[in-house]
N, C-alpha and C. Protein backbone atom coordinates (compact mmCIF):
# COMPACT_ATOMS: atom_id res chain seq x y z
N MET A 1 -24.62 43.72 16.31
CA MET A 1 -23.52 42.30 16.02
C MET A 1 -23.29 42.28 15.32
N ARG A 2 -24.65 42.06 14.42
CA ARG A 2 -24.28 41.18 13.15
C ARG A 2 -23.45 42.14 12.17
N ASN A 3 -23.27 43.43 12.43
CA ASN A 3 -22.50 44.84 11.48
C ASN A 3 -21.44 43.77 11.56
N ARG A 4 -20.99 44.22 12.97
CA ARG A 4 -19.42 43.82 13.70
C ARG A 4 -19.03 42.54 12.53
N ASP A 5 -19.83 41.62 13.00
CA ASP A 5 -18.81 40.14 12.58
C ASP A 5 -19.05 40.36 11.39
N TRP A 6 -20.26 40.37 10.25
CA TRP A 6 -20.06 41.03 8.90
C TRP A 6 -18.62 41.51 8.17
N LYS A 7 -18.03 42.95 9.02
CA LYS A 7 -17.24 43.49 8.53
C LYS A 7 -15.98 42.16 8.78
N ARG A 8 -15.70 41.66 10.56
CA ARG A 8 -15.10 40.88 10.41
C ARG A 8 -14.70 39.86 9.53
N ALA A 9 -15.48 39.26 9.32
CA ALA A 9 -15.86 37.93 7.84
C ALA A 9 -15.13 38.12 7.23
N CYS A 10 -15.68 39.79 6.45
CA CYS A 10 -15.33 40.42 5.52
C CYS A 10 -13.60 40.48 5.87
N GLY A 11 -12.84 41.26 6.17
CA GLY A 11 -11.67 41.54 7.05
C GLY A 11 -10.92 39.78 6.24
N MET A 12 -11.30 39.20 7.82
CA MET A 12 -10.61 37.80 7.33
C MET A 12 -10.85 37.35 5.71
N ALA A 13 -11.87 37.71 4.44
CA ALA A 13 -11.75 37.08 3.95
C ALA A 13 -10.45 37.86 2.46
N VAL A 14 -10.54 38.96 2.79
CA VAL A 14 -10.14 39.80 1.89
C VAL A 14 -8.48 39.55 2.61
N LEU A 15 -8.03 39.47 3.82
CA LEU A 15 -7.03 39.20 4.18
C LEU A 15 -5.90 37.89 3.42
N ALA A 16 -7.00 37.05 3.55
CA ALA A 16 -6.84 35.47 3.19
C ALA A 16 -6.35 35.64 1.74
N ALA A 17 -6.82 36.56 0.67
CA ALA A 17 -6.83 36.48 -0.26
C ALA A 17 -5.45 37.31 -1.16
N CYS A 18 -5.26 38.69 0.12
CA CYS A 18 -3.62 38.39 0.28
C CYS A 18 -2.99 37.97 0.01
N CYS A 19 -3.41 36.79 1.14
CA CYS A 19 -1.89 36.26 1.30
C CYS A 19 -1.93 35.30 0.54
N VAL A 20 -2.99 34.71 -0.10
CA VAL A 20 -2.68 34.17 -1.43
C VAL A 20 -1.61 34.98 -2.59
N GLY A 21 -2.83 35.33 -2.63
CA GLY A 21 -1.90 36.68 -4.23
C GLY A 21 -0.60 37.43 -3.92
N THR A 22 -0.15 37.24 -2.19
CA THR A 22 1.22 37.92 -2.10
C THR A 22 2.48 36.28 -1.56
N ALA A 23 2.26 35.58 -1.73
CA ALA A 23 2.69 33.69 -1.41
C ALA A 23 3.22 33.42 -2.83
N GLY A 24 4.29 33.51 -2.77
CA GLY A 24 5.28 32.81 -4.26
C GLY A 24 4.82 31.79 -4.74
N ALA A 25 4.81 31.21 -5.59
CA ALA A 25 4.90 30.34 -6.76
C ALA A 25 5.61 28.74 -5.92
N GLY A 26 6.54 29.22 -5.19
CA GLY A 26 7.20 28.21 -4.39
C GLY A 26 6.34 27.72 -3.12
N ASP A 27 6.02 29.22 -2.24
CA ASP A 27 5.17 28.46 -1.23
C ASP A 27 4.32 27.41 -1.23
N TRP A 28 4.02 27.80 -2.40
CA TRP A 28 2.31 27.37 -2.79
C TRP A 28 2.60 26.06 -3.73
N ASP A 29 3.56 25.59 -4.26
CA ASP A 29 3.60 24.20 -4.38
C ASP A 29 4.16 23.77 -3.21
N GLN A 30 5.35 24.17 -2.01
CA GLN A 30 5.20 23.50 -1.49
C GLN A 30 3.84 23.43 -0.34
N TRP A 31 3.33 24.06 -0.36
CA TRP A 31 1.68 23.94 0.15
C TRP A 31 1.07 22.60 -0.48
N ARG A 32 1.27 22.24 -1.72
CA ARG A 32 0.80 21.79 -2.53
C ARG A 32 1.44 19.81 -1.85
N ARG A 33 2.69 20.04 -2.05
CA ARG A 33 3.35 19.25 -1.50
C ARG A 33 2.93 18.54 -0.35
N ASP A 34 2.82 19.57 0.73
CA ASP A 34 2.75 19.06 2.13
C ASP A 34 1.30 18.36 2.48
N THR A 35 0.08 18.19 1.79
CA THR A 35 -0.86 18.15 1.03
C THR A 35 -1.29 16.84 0.69
N LEU A 36 -0.72 15.88 -0.30
CA LEU A 36 -0.59 15.46 -0.82
C LEU A 36 -0.53 13.65 0.28
N PRO A 37 -0.97 12.89 -0.17
CA PRO A 37 -1.41 11.37 0.85
C PRO A 37 0.35 11.47 0.60
N VAL A 38 1.37 11.14 2.07
CA VAL A 38 2.43 10.20 1.80
C VAL A 38 2.87 9.14 2.50
N HIS A 39 1.68 9.17 3.30
CA HIS A 39 1.94 8.12 4.46
C HIS A 39 0.16 7.33 4.01
N TYR A 40 0.72 5.83 3.71
CA TYR A 40 -0.28 4.72 3.63
C TYR A 40 -0.38 3.54 3.86
N SER A 41 -1.40 3.03 4.37
CA SER A 41 -1.50 1.95 5.48
C SER A 41 -3.04 0.92 5.09
N GLY A 42 -2.96 -0.15 5.41
CA GLY A 42 -4.01 -0.87 5.10
C GLY A 42 -4.04 -2.42 4.95
N LEU A 43 -4.87 -2.88 4.40
CA LEU A 43 -4.88 -4.94 4.88
C LEU A 43 -4.94 -5.42 3.43
N LEU A 44 -3.76 -6.70 3.76
CA LEU A 44 -3.98 -7.63 2.81
C LEU A 44 -4.39 -8.73 2.92
N ASN A 45 -4.97 -9.59 1.53
CA ASN A 45 -6.23 -10.68 1.76
C ASN A 45 -6.21 -11.83 0.28
N ASP A 46 -5.53 -12.95 0.16
CA ASP A 46 -5.47 -13.47 -1.03
C ASP A 46 -4.44 -14.60 -0.94
N HIS A 47 -5.03 -15.62 -2.01
CA HIS A 47 -3.19 -17.21 -1.62
C HIS A 47 -2.58 -16.90 -2.87
N THR A 48 -1.90 -18.17 -2.44
CA THR A 48 -1.40 -18.25 -3.27
C THR A 48 -0.92 -19.45 -4.19
N PRO A 49 -0.86 -19.74 -5.53
CA PRO A 49 -1.26 -20.52 -6.60
C PRO A 49 -0.80 -21.62 -5.40
N SER A 50 -1.41 -22.80 -6.05
CA SER A 50 -1.45 -24.15 -5.45
C SER A 50 -0.13 -25.15 -5.47
N VAL A 51 0.75 -24.63 -6.59
CA VAL A 51 2.17 -25.25 -7.01
C VAL A 51 3.03 -25.23 -5.63
N VAL A 52 2.63 -23.59 -4.82
CA VAL A 52 3.43 -23.37 -3.87
C VAL A 52 3.49 -24.79 -3.11
N LYS A 53 5.08 -25.10 -2.32
CA LYS A 53 5.19 -26.37 -1.84
C LYS A 53 4.15 -25.96 0.22
N GLY A 54 3.28 -26.20 -0.29
CA GLY A 54 1.82 -26.58 1.72
C GLY A 54 1.07 -26.03 1.15
N GLY A 55 1.00 -25.72 -0.17
CA GLY A 55 0.10 -24.56 -0.85
C GLY A 55 -1.32 -25.20 -1.21
N PRO A 56 -1.99 -23.94 -1.29
CA PRO A 56 -2.52 -22.55 -1.37
C PRO A 56 -2.68 -22.48 -0.29
N TYR A 57 -1.76 -21.10 0.31
CA TYR A 57 -1.63 -20.66 1.17
C TYR A 57 -3.13 -19.38 0.88
N GLU A 58 -3.68 -19.19 2.52
CA GLU A 58 -4.09 -17.91 2.66
C GLU A 58 -3.12 -17.26 3.35
N MET A 59 -3.27 -15.59 2.98
CA MET A 59 -2.22 -14.42 3.07
C MET A 59 -3.65 -13.70 3.87
N ARG A 60 -3.08 -13.42 4.78
CA ARG A 60 -3.69 -12.19 5.78
C ARG A 60 -2.71 -11.28 6.74
N GLY A 61 -2.48 -10.02 6.10
CA GLY A 61 -1.92 -9.35 7.29
C GLY A 61 -2.33 -7.81 7.04
N LYS A 62 -1.55 -6.55 7.75
CA LYS A 62 -0.93 -5.15 7.22
C LYS A 62 -0.26 -4.35 6.94
N TRP A 63 -0.69 -3.55 6.29
CA TRP A 63 0.78 -2.71 5.39
C TRP A 63 0.98 -1.40 5.85
N SER A 64 2.01 -0.96 5.39
CA SER A 64 2.16 0.77 5.49
C SER A 64 3.52 1.25 4.34
N LEU A 65 3.10 2.75 3.81
CA LEU A 65 3.86 2.58 3.21
C LEU A 65 4.41 3.76 3.32
N GLU A 66 5.33 5.02 3.35
CA GLU A 66 5.61 5.88 3.28
C GLU A 66 6.59 6.35 2.04
N VAL A 67 5.80 8.33 1.49
CA VAL A 67 6.31 7.82 0.06
C VAL A 67 7.59 9.18 0.41
N ASP A 68 8.53 9.65 -0.20
CA ASP A 68 8.85 10.39 -0.19
C ASP A 68 9.20 11.47 -1.67
N GLU A 69 7.64 11.78 -1.87
CA GLU A 69 7.81 13.03 -3.29
C GLU A 69 8.58 13.38 -3.57
N ARG A 70 9.79 14.24 -3.21
CA ARG A 70 10.04 15.43 -3.72
C ARG A 70 11.78 14.31 -4.17
N ARG A 71 12.03 12.91 -3.30
CA ARG A 71 13.04 12.19 -3.41
C ARG A 71 13.04 11.04 -4.72
N GLY A 72 11.69 10.62 -4.37
CA GLY A 72 11.48 10.05 -5.42
C GLY A 72 11.44 8.77 -5.47
N THR A 73 11.23 8.36 -3.45
CA THR A 73 11.44 6.88 -2.67
C THR A 73 10.43 6.75 -2.10
N GLY A 74 10.41 5.01 -1.47
CA GLY A 74 9.49 5.05 -0.76
C GLY A 74 9.63 3.81 0.09
N LYS A 75 9.36 3.71 1.11
CA LYS A 75 9.43 2.41 2.24
C LYS A 75 8.61 1.35 2.49
N PHE A 76 8.16 0.68 2.68
CA PHE A 76 7.34 -0.28 2.75
C PHE A 76 7.64 -1.34 3.27
N THR A 77 5.90 -1.54 4.50
CA THR A 77 6.25 -2.93 5.76
C THR A 77 5.43 -3.23 5.82
N ALA A 78 5.41 -4.51 6.09
CA ALA A 78 4.59 -5.63 5.77
C ALA A 78 3.93 -6.98 7.11
N THR A 79 3.15 -7.12 7.85
CA THR A 79 3.19 -8.12 8.47
C THR A 79 2.11 -9.34 8.71
N MET A 80 2.18 -10.72 8.14
CA MET A 80 0.98 -11.27 7.59
C MET A 80 1.61 -13.07 8.42
N ASP A 81 0.06 -13.62 8.11
CA ASP A 81 0.27 -14.42 8.46
C ASP A 81 -0.08 -15.45 7.24
N MET A 82 0.10 -16.75 6.98
CA MET A 82 -0.28 -17.84 6.31
C MET A 82 -0.55 -19.28 7.02
N GLN A 83 -1.70 -19.95 6.32
CA GLN A 83 -1.68 -20.99 6.64
C GLN A 83 -2.66 -21.98 5.31
N THR A 84 -2.42 -23.07 4.93
CA THR A 84 -2.58 -23.87 4.06
C THR A 84 -4.73 -23.57 4.15
N SER A 85 -4.96 -23.24 2.63
CA SER A 85 -6.15 -23.52 2.80
C SER A 85 -7.21 -24.22 3.02
N ASP A 86 -8.46 -24.28 2.66
CA ASP A 86 -9.51 -25.57 2.68
C ASP A 86 -9.17 -26.27 1.54
N TYR A 87 -8.86 -25.32 0.54
CA TYR A 87 -8.50 -26.29 -0.72
C TYR A 87 -7.46 -27.11 -0.72
N GLY A 88 -6.66 -27.46 0.37
CA GLY A 88 -5.65 -28.10 1.27
C GLY A 88 -6.04 -29.43 1.55
N ILE A 89 -7.10 -29.31 1.63
CA ILE A 89 -8.03 -30.68 1.98
C ILE A 89 -8.43 -31.54 0.51
N THR A 90 -8.66 -31.49 -0.26
CA THR A 90 -9.56 -32.07 -1.62
C THR A 90 -7.95 -32.05 -1.92
N LEU A 91 -6.26 -31.83 -1.97
CA LEU A 91 -4.85 -32.19 -2.13
C LEU A 91 -4.35 -33.44 -1.27
N GLY A 92 -4.63 -33.67 0.00
CA GLY A 92 -4.72 -33.85 0.87
C GLY A 92 -3.54 -33.89 2.04
N ILE A 93 -3.33 -32.08 1.49
CA ILE A 93 -2.01 -31.46 2.57
C ILE A 93 -2.82 -31.60 3.96
N VAL A 94 -4.19 -30.87 3.67
CA VAL A 94 -4.96 -30.46 5.01
C VAL A 94 -5.77 -31.66 5.84
N LYS A 95 -6.17 -32.55 6.97
CA LYS A 95 -6.88 -33.07 7.16
C LYS A 95 -8.06 -31.80 8.30
N PRO A 96 -8.71 -32.13 8.02
CA PRO A 96 -9.75 -31.03 8.91
C PRO A 96 -10.01 -31.01 9.59
N ASP A 97 -9.65 -32.28 10.46
CA ASP A 97 -9.48 -32.33 12.26
C ASP A 97 -8.17 -32.07 12.53
N ASP A 98 -6.93 -32.09 11.84
CA ASP A 98 -5.95 -31.41 12.60
C ASP A 98 -5.25 -30.28 12.12
N PRO A 99 -5.38 -29.05 12.96
CA PRO A 99 -5.27 -27.84 12.77
C PRO A 99 -3.02 -27.38 12.37
N THR A 100 -3.02 -28.27 13.02
CA THR A 100 -1.56 -28.41 12.61
C THR A 100 -0.45 -28.83 11.20
N THR A 101 -1.69 -29.08 10.42
CA THR A 101 -2.01 -29.44 9.37
C THR A 101 -1.50 -28.34 8.07
N ARG A 102 -2.08 -27.27 8.97
CA ARG A 102 -2.01 -26.14 8.23
C ARG A 102 -0.69 -25.79 7.95
N GLY A 103 0.73 -25.76 8.37
CA GLY A 103 1.47 -24.85 8.52
C GLY A 103 1.40 -23.53 8.26
N ALA A 104 0.76 -23.49 9.69
CA ALA A 104 1.03 -21.70 10.19
C ALA A 104 1.89 -21.59 10.64
N HIS A 105 2.41 -20.33 10.03
CA HIS A 105 3.67 -19.50 10.11
C HIS A 105 3.42 -18.05 9.36
N THR A 106 4.32 -16.87 10.10
CA THR A 106 4.39 -15.49 9.62
C THR A 106 5.24 -15.02 8.85
N HIS A 107 5.49 -14.16 8.80
CA HIS A 107 6.61 -13.20 7.40
C HIS A 107 6.13 -11.26 8.59
N HIS A 108 7.46 -11.21 8.45
CA HIS A 108 7.44 -9.52 8.54
C HIS A 108 8.80 -9.01 7.21
N ILE A 109 7.75 -8.22 5.97
CA ILE A 109 8.58 -7.81 4.89
C ILE A 109 9.06 -5.98 4.98
N SER A 110 9.62 -6.07 4.69
CA SER A 110 10.45 -4.58 4.86
C SER A 110 10.80 -4.28 3.12
N MET A 111 11.14 -3.26 2.76
CA MET A 111 11.72 -2.53 1.59
C MET A 111 11.92 -0.72 1.92
N THR A 112 12.99 -0.86 2.20
CA THR A 112 13.22 0.60 2.21
C THR A 112 15.04 1.55 1.05
N ASP A 113 14.36 0.51 -0.33
CA ASP A 113 15.20 0.53 -0.63
C ASP A 113 14.56 1.48 -2.30
N GLY A 114 12.82 1.52 -1.42
CA GLY A 114 11.92 1.77 -3.34
C GLY A 114 12.32 2.76 -3.49
N VAL A 115 11.89 2.70 -5.07
CA VAL A 115 12.14 4.15 -5.66
C VAL A 115 10.61 4.22 -6.60
N LEU A 116 9.97 5.42 -6.27
CA LEU A 116 8.83 5.84 -6.91
C LEU A 116 8.60 5.62 -8.39
N THR A 117 7.65 5.45 -9.26
CA THR A 117 7.67 5.38 -10.59
C THR A 117 6.25 5.83 -10.83
N LEU A 118 6.08 6.04 -12.02
CA LEU A 118 4.56 6.73 -12.01
C LEU A 118 4.25 5.50 -13.46
N ASP A 119 5.25 5.09 -13.80
CA ASP A 119 4.56 3.90 -15.24
C ASP A 119 4.43 2.70 -14.55
N TRP A 120 2.90 2.98 -14.29
CA TRP A 120 2.49 1.81 -13.07
C TRP A 120 1.52 0.65 -13.91
N PRO A 121 1.27 1.84 -15.44
CA PRO A 121 0.56 0.08 -15.95
C PRO A 121 1.71 -0.83 -16.42
N ALA A 122 2.85 -0.53 -16.71
CA ALA A 122 4.17 -1.46 -17.34
C ALA A 122 4.00 -2.48 -15.97
N ARG A 123 4.17 -1.98 -15.04
CA ARG A 123 4.61 -2.54 -13.53
C ARG A 123 3.40 -3.74 -12.84
N CYS A 124 2.43 -3.30 -13.24
CA CYS A 124 1.28 -3.38 -11.94
C CYS A 124 -0.42 -4.21 -12.65
N PRO A 125 -0.43 -5.26 -11.44
CA PRO A 125 -2.00 -6.09 -12.23
C PRO A 125 -2.73 -5.38 -13.22
N GLN A 126 -3.44 -5.95 -14.12
CA GLN A 126 -4.22 -5.47 -14.75
C GLN A 126 -6.20 -5.93 -13.29
N PHE A 127 -7.22 -4.87 -13.82
CA PHE A 127 -8.30 -5.36 -12.84
C PHE A 127 -9.38 -4.81 -13.70
N ALA A 128 -10.97 -5.49 -13.22
CA ALA A 128 -11.38 -5.75 -13.33
C ALA A 128 -12.86 -5.58 -12.51
N PRO A 129 -13.62 -4.03 -12.49
CA PRO A 129 -13.42 -2.79 -12.84
C PRO A 129 -12.13 -2.40 -12.53
N ALA A 130 -11.86 -1.79 -14.16
CA ALA A 130 -10.40 -1.74 -14.58
C ALA A 130 -10.10 -0.49 -13.41
N VAL A 131 -8.57 0.16 -12.95
CA VAL A 131 -8.06 1.23 -12.52
C VAL A 131 -7.56 2.30 -13.56
N LYS A 132 -7.77 3.64 -12.89
CA LYS A 132 -7.11 4.51 -13.97
C LYS A 132 -5.91 5.45 -13.71
N GLU A 133 -5.28 5.33 -12.44
CA GLU A 133 -4.78 5.92 -12.22
C GLU A 133 -3.92 5.10 -10.57
N GLY A 134 -2.16 5.88 -10.28
CA GLY A 134 -1.36 5.48 -8.96
C GLY A 134 0.09 5.03 -9.61
N PHE A 135 0.40 4.57 -8.66
CA PHE A 135 2.01 4.32 -8.84
C PHE A 135 2.32 3.56 -8.57
N ALA A 136 4.09 3.29 -8.82
CA ALA A 136 4.50 1.58 -8.94
C ALA A 136 5.75 2.34 -7.93
N ILE A 137 6.29 1.35 -7.00
CA ILE A 137 7.41 1.27 -6.09
C ILE A 137 8.36 0.16 -6.46
N THR A 138 9.58 0.18 -6.69
CA THR A 138 10.00 -0.75 -6.81
C THR A 138 11.38 -0.83 -5.95
N GLY A 139 11.99 -1.62 -5.82
CA GLY A 139 13.16 -2.23 -4.69
C GLY A 139 13.58 -3.13 -4.70
N THR A 140 13.59 -3.74 -3.69
CA THR A 140 14.00 -4.82 -2.74
C THR A 140 13.32 -5.54 -1.59
N ALA A 141 12.93 -6.49 -1.12
CA ALA A 141 12.69 -6.91 -0.07
C ALA A 141 13.40 -8.41 1.06
N PHE A 142 13.22 -7.23 1.82
CA PHE A 142 13.78 -9.06 3.37
C PHE A 142 12.61 -8.84 3.82
N VAL A 143 12.76 -10.45 4.08
CA VAL A 143 11.47 -11.14 4.46
C VAL A 143 12.11 -12.11 5.79
N THR A 144 11.42 -12.46 6.91
CA THR A 144 10.92 -13.07 7.57
C THR A 144 10.49 -14.37 7.30
N GLY A 145 10.84 -15.88 8.25
CA GLY A 145 9.60 -16.45 8.24
C GLY A 145 10.52 -16.84 9.85
N ASN A 146 8.98 -16.64 10.96
CA ASN A 146 8.78 -16.87 11.98
C ASN A 146 9.35 -16.34 13.31
N GLY A 147 9.91 -14.93 12.35
CA GLY A 147 10.86 -14.21 13.09
C GLY A 147 12.27 -14.21 12.83
N ASN A 148 13.14 -15.37 11.83
CA ASN A 148 14.13 -16.15 11.56
C ASN A 148 14.12 -15.64 10.14
N PRO A 149 15.00 -15.22 9.79
CA PRO A 149 15.75 -14.98 8.03
C PRO A 149 15.30 -16.04 7.25
N ALA A 150 14.08 -15.32 6.34
CA ALA A 150 13.32 -16.52 5.69
C ALA A 150 14.73 -17.45 5.01
N PRO A 151 13.84 -19.31 4.90
CA PRO A 151 15.01 -20.08 4.50
C PRO A 151 15.09 -20.31 2.39
N PHE A 152 14.19 -19.20 2.59
CA PHE A 152 14.40 -19.04 1.08
C PHE A 152 15.85 -18.67 0.49
N GLY A 153 15.71 -17.46 1.35
CA GLY A 153 17.04 -16.06 0.94
C GLY A 153 16.50 -14.56 0.30
N ASN A 154 17.88 -13.82 1.28
CA ASN A 154 16.70 -12.21 0.65
C ASN A 154 18.73 -12.22 0.15
N PRO A 155 18.71 -10.86 -0.44
CA PRO A 155 16.92 -10.09 -0.30
C PRO A 155 15.65 -10.80 -1.93
N THR A 156 14.68 -9.83 -2.65
CA THR A 156 14.24 -10.28 -3.23
C THR A 156 14.11 -9.40 -4.08
N PRO A 157 13.60 -9.11 -5.60
CA PRO A 157 13.21 -8.12 -5.98
C PRO A 157 11.73 -7.70 -6.56
N PHE A 158 11.01 -6.70 -6.09
CA PHE A 158 9.67 -6.93 -4.89
C PHE A 158 9.13 -4.87 -5.68
N THR A 159 7.94 -5.23 -6.02
CA THR A 159 6.93 -3.83 -6.53
C THR A 159 5.72 -4.31 -5.68
N VAL A 160 5.48 -3.14 -5.39
CA VAL A 160 4.12 -2.82 -4.55
C VAL A 160 3.38 -1.37 -5.36
N CYS A 161 2.28 -1.70 -6.00
CA CYS A 161 1.60 -0.15 -6.52
C CYS A 161 0.37 -0.36 -5.71
N ILE A 162 -0.13 1.36 -5.57
CA ILE A 162 -1.12 1.88 -5.22
C ILE A 162 -1.85 2.05 -6.29
N LEU A 163 -2.77 1.86 -6.32
CA LEU A 163 -3.82 2.04 -7.04
C LEU A 163 -5.22 2.46 -7.26
N GLY A 164 -5.82 3.18 -8.37
CA GLY A 164 -7.19 3.23 -7.75
C GLY A 164 -8.23 3.93 -8.87
N SER A 165 -9.49 5.09 -8.76
CA SER A 165 -9.47 5.79 -9.49
C SER A 165 -10.17 6.80 -9.72
N ASP A 166 -12.01 6.72 -9.73
CA ASP A 166 -12.73 8.24 -9.75
C ASP A 166 -13.16 8.06 -8.94
N SER A 167 -13.97 7.17 -7.69
CA SER A 167 -14.35 7.66 -6.56
C SER A 167 -13.27 7.16 -5.63
N VAL A 168 -12.88 6.52 -5.57
CA VAL A 168 -11.45 6.69 -4.46
C VAL A 168 -10.46 6.84 -5.26
N LYS A 169 -8.97 7.26 -5.29
CA LYS A 169 -8.27 7.52 -5.88
C LYS A 169 -7.38 6.93 -5.72
N PHE A 170 -6.83 6.52 -4.57
CA PHE A 170 -6.01 5.25 -4.30
C PHE A 170 -6.60 3.56 -3.21
N SER A 171 -7.34 3.07 -4.38
CA SER A 171 -7.55 1.53 -3.01
C SER A 171 -7.45 0.93 -3.39
N ASN A 172 -6.24 0.47 -4.35
CA ASN A 172 -5.98 -0.55 -4.18
C ASN A 172 -4.33 -0.56 -3.94
N MET A 173 -3.74 -1.84 -3.06
CA MET A 173 -2.95 -1.95 -3.01
C MET A 173 -2.09 -3.48 -3.63
N THR A 174 -1.25 -3.25 -3.97
CA THR A 174 -0.45 -5.23 -4.40
C THR A 174 1.10 -4.77 -4.55
N MET A 175 1.24 -6.00 -3.72
CA MET A 175 2.74 -6.48 -4.22
C MET A 175 2.98 -7.55 -4.74
N ALA A 176 3.85 -7.70 -4.99
CA ALA A 176 4.51 -9.21 -5.71
C ALA A 176 5.83 -9.32 -6.08
N PHE A 177 6.71 -10.46 -5.53
CA PHE A 177 7.96 -11.18 -5.16
C PHE A 177 8.21 -11.48 -6.73
N SER A 178 9.62 -11.41 -7.17
CA SER A 178 10.59 -12.17 -7.98
C SER A 178 11.02 -13.42 -6.94
N THR A 179 11.96 -13.99 -7.78
CA THR A 179 12.95 -15.23 -7.29
C THR A 179 14.06 -14.15 -6.19
N PRO A 180 14.06 -14.94 -5.16
CA PRO A 180 13.91 -15.87 -4.62
C PRO A 180 12.66 -16.24 -3.82
N ALA A 181 11.57 -15.34 -3.14
CA ALA A 181 10.66 -15.19 -2.54
C ALA A 181 9.46 -16.00 -3.30
N ALA A 182 9.51 -15.69 -4.72
CA ALA A 182 8.76 -16.18 -5.99
C ALA A 182 7.99 -17.49 -5.44
N ASN A 183 9.49 -18.00 -5.13
CA ASN A 183 9.47 -19.65 -4.28
C ASN A 183 8.28 -19.75 -3.60
N HIS A 184 8.45 -19.35 -2.59
CA HIS A 184 7.21 -19.32 -1.19
C HIS A 184 5.25 -18.21 -2.28
N PHE A 185 6.06 -17.34 -1.99
CA PHE A 185 4.73 -16.73 -2.39
C PHE A 185 4.36 -16.38 -3.46
N GLY A 186 4.97 -17.03 -4.61
CA GLY A 186 4.44 -17.40 -5.89
C GLY A 186 5.02 -15.93 -7.03
N THR A 187 4.75 -15.71 -7.98
CA THR A 187 4.90 -14.39 -9.13
C THR A 187 3.69 -13.19 -8.81
N GLN A 188 2.22 -14.01 -8.65
CA GLN A 188 1.70 -13.02 -9.20
C GLN A 188 1.37 -12.50 -7.96
N ALA A 189 0.84 -10.85 -8.40
CA ALA A 189 0.80 -10.27 -7.63
C ALA A 189 -0.23 -10.52 -6.27
N ILE A 190 0.72 -9.97 -5.43
CA ILE A 190 -0.67 -10.14 -3.92
C ILE A 190 -2.08 -9.01 -3.41
N HIS A 191 -2.89 -9.49 -3.42
CA HIS A 191 -4.14 -7.99 -2.94
C HIS A 191 -4.51 -7.52 -2.23
N GLY A 192 -4.35 -5.73 -1.07
CA GLY A 192 -5.25 -5.80 -0.35
C GLY A 192 -5.52 -4.09 -1.00
N VAL A 193 -5.97 -3.95 0.01
CA VAL A 193 -7.05 -2.75 -0.23
C VAL A 193 -6.12 -1.41 1.02
N VAL A 194 -6.25 -0.31 0.10
CA VAL A 194 -5.81 1.21 1.57
C VAL A 194 -7.39 1.18 2.08
N LEU A 195 -6.46 1.04 3.89
CA LEU A 195 -7.52 2.19 4.72
C LEU A 195 -7.11 3.47 4.73
N TRP A 196 -6.22 3.70 4.96
CA TRP A 196 -6.08 5.34 4.78
C TRP A 196 -4.93 6.12 4.27
N CYS A 197 -4.86 6.97 4.46
CA CYS A 197 -3.90 7.69 3.44
C CYS A 197 -3.63 8.67 4.62
N THR A 198 -2.46 9.89 4.49
CA THR A 198 -2.08 11.44 4.99
C THR A 198 -1.64 12.00 4.34
N GLY A 199 -1.40 13.26 4.73
CA GLY A 199 -0.38 13.81 3.43
C GLY A 199 1.33 14.32 5.08
N ARG A 200 1.98 14.99 4.16
CA ARG A 200 3.07 15.01 5.01
C ARG A 200 2.47 15.48 6.51
N LEU A 201 1.55 16.20 6.67
CA LEU A 201 1.79 17.15 7.90
C LEU A 201 0.25 16.26 8.62
N LEU A 202 0.92 15.36 8.15
CA LEU A 202 -0.54 14.01 8.57
C LEU A 202 -2.38 14.35 9.24
N ARG A 203 -2.50 14.71 8.22
CA ARG A 203 -4.37 15.21 8.07
C ARG A 203 -3.90 14.40 7.10
N PRO A 204 -5.66 13.86 7.44
CA PRO A 204 -6.33 12.85 6.80
C PRO A 204 -6.64 13.41 5.50
N SER A 205 -5.83 12.65 4.13
CA SER A 205 -5.94 12.49 2.73
C SER A 205 -8.01 12.24 2.31
N PRO A 206 -8.88 13.27 0.87
CA PRO A 206 -10.15 12.04 0.50
C PRO A 206 -9.40 10.70 -0.25
N ASP A 207 -8.24 11.26 -0.73
CA ASP A 207 -7.93 10.29 -1.77
C ASP A 207 -7.46 8.46 -1.49
N CYS A 208 -8.25 8.70 -0.63
CA CYS A 208 -8.43 6.81 0.15
C CYS A 208 -9.57 6.74 0.48
N SER A 209 -9.83 7.58 0.42
CA SER A 209 -12.26 6.97 1.09
C SER A 209 -13.21 8.16 0.28
N LEU A 210 -13.99 6.80 0.49
CA LEU A 210 -15.36 7.72 -0.22
C LEU A 210 -15.79 8.45 -0.46
N GLN A 211 -15.84 10.18 -0.94
CA GLN A 211 -16.42 11.13 -0.39
C GLN A 211 -17.96 11.48 -0.91
N GLU A 212 -18.72 11.44 -0.29
CA GLU A 212 -20.18 11.09 -0.47
C GLU A 212 -20.93 12.28 -0.99
């Protein structure tokens, strides 16, 4: 039994080697593209500056990103809620015994015209410890306020960064608005974390988690 199993294992190994050897370069490149992470998802958690009217707001939510590396495009969505932070108490904006003074509200954010660029150092914020690799998606965002068109207007120039380093290749997400949405969210990068990513065939990728 052991001899037969050994011969069978050897035969499968030889067959696999032959298949790899006879596969064209295009087939191999296609396989590699199919295993690259193209679906990303995570959480966001940050604060707006205090100069934002009604702020500083706490921002919490979920986001997802779909990347088409062959076309060099990306689609980003996020859902988030905002309310004035405890710092608003010191500013006299928030009454501790009255939650309605925190101005709780929601936003849905969508970017469908994103363009992929590897020039992330010029477009993304710096970190400590420093990030070492990643990419950026630039385009325009459409934003709602409590399900309505955002009162500050649409669309807004928008940048999403997916960044990381040695232990986790893609660990950080940031998103940043220009005007008019920056009048509400601020111009600073809004930070989040990458929870998971998968390749084109929806296989989980090790690029977005710590591999022990």
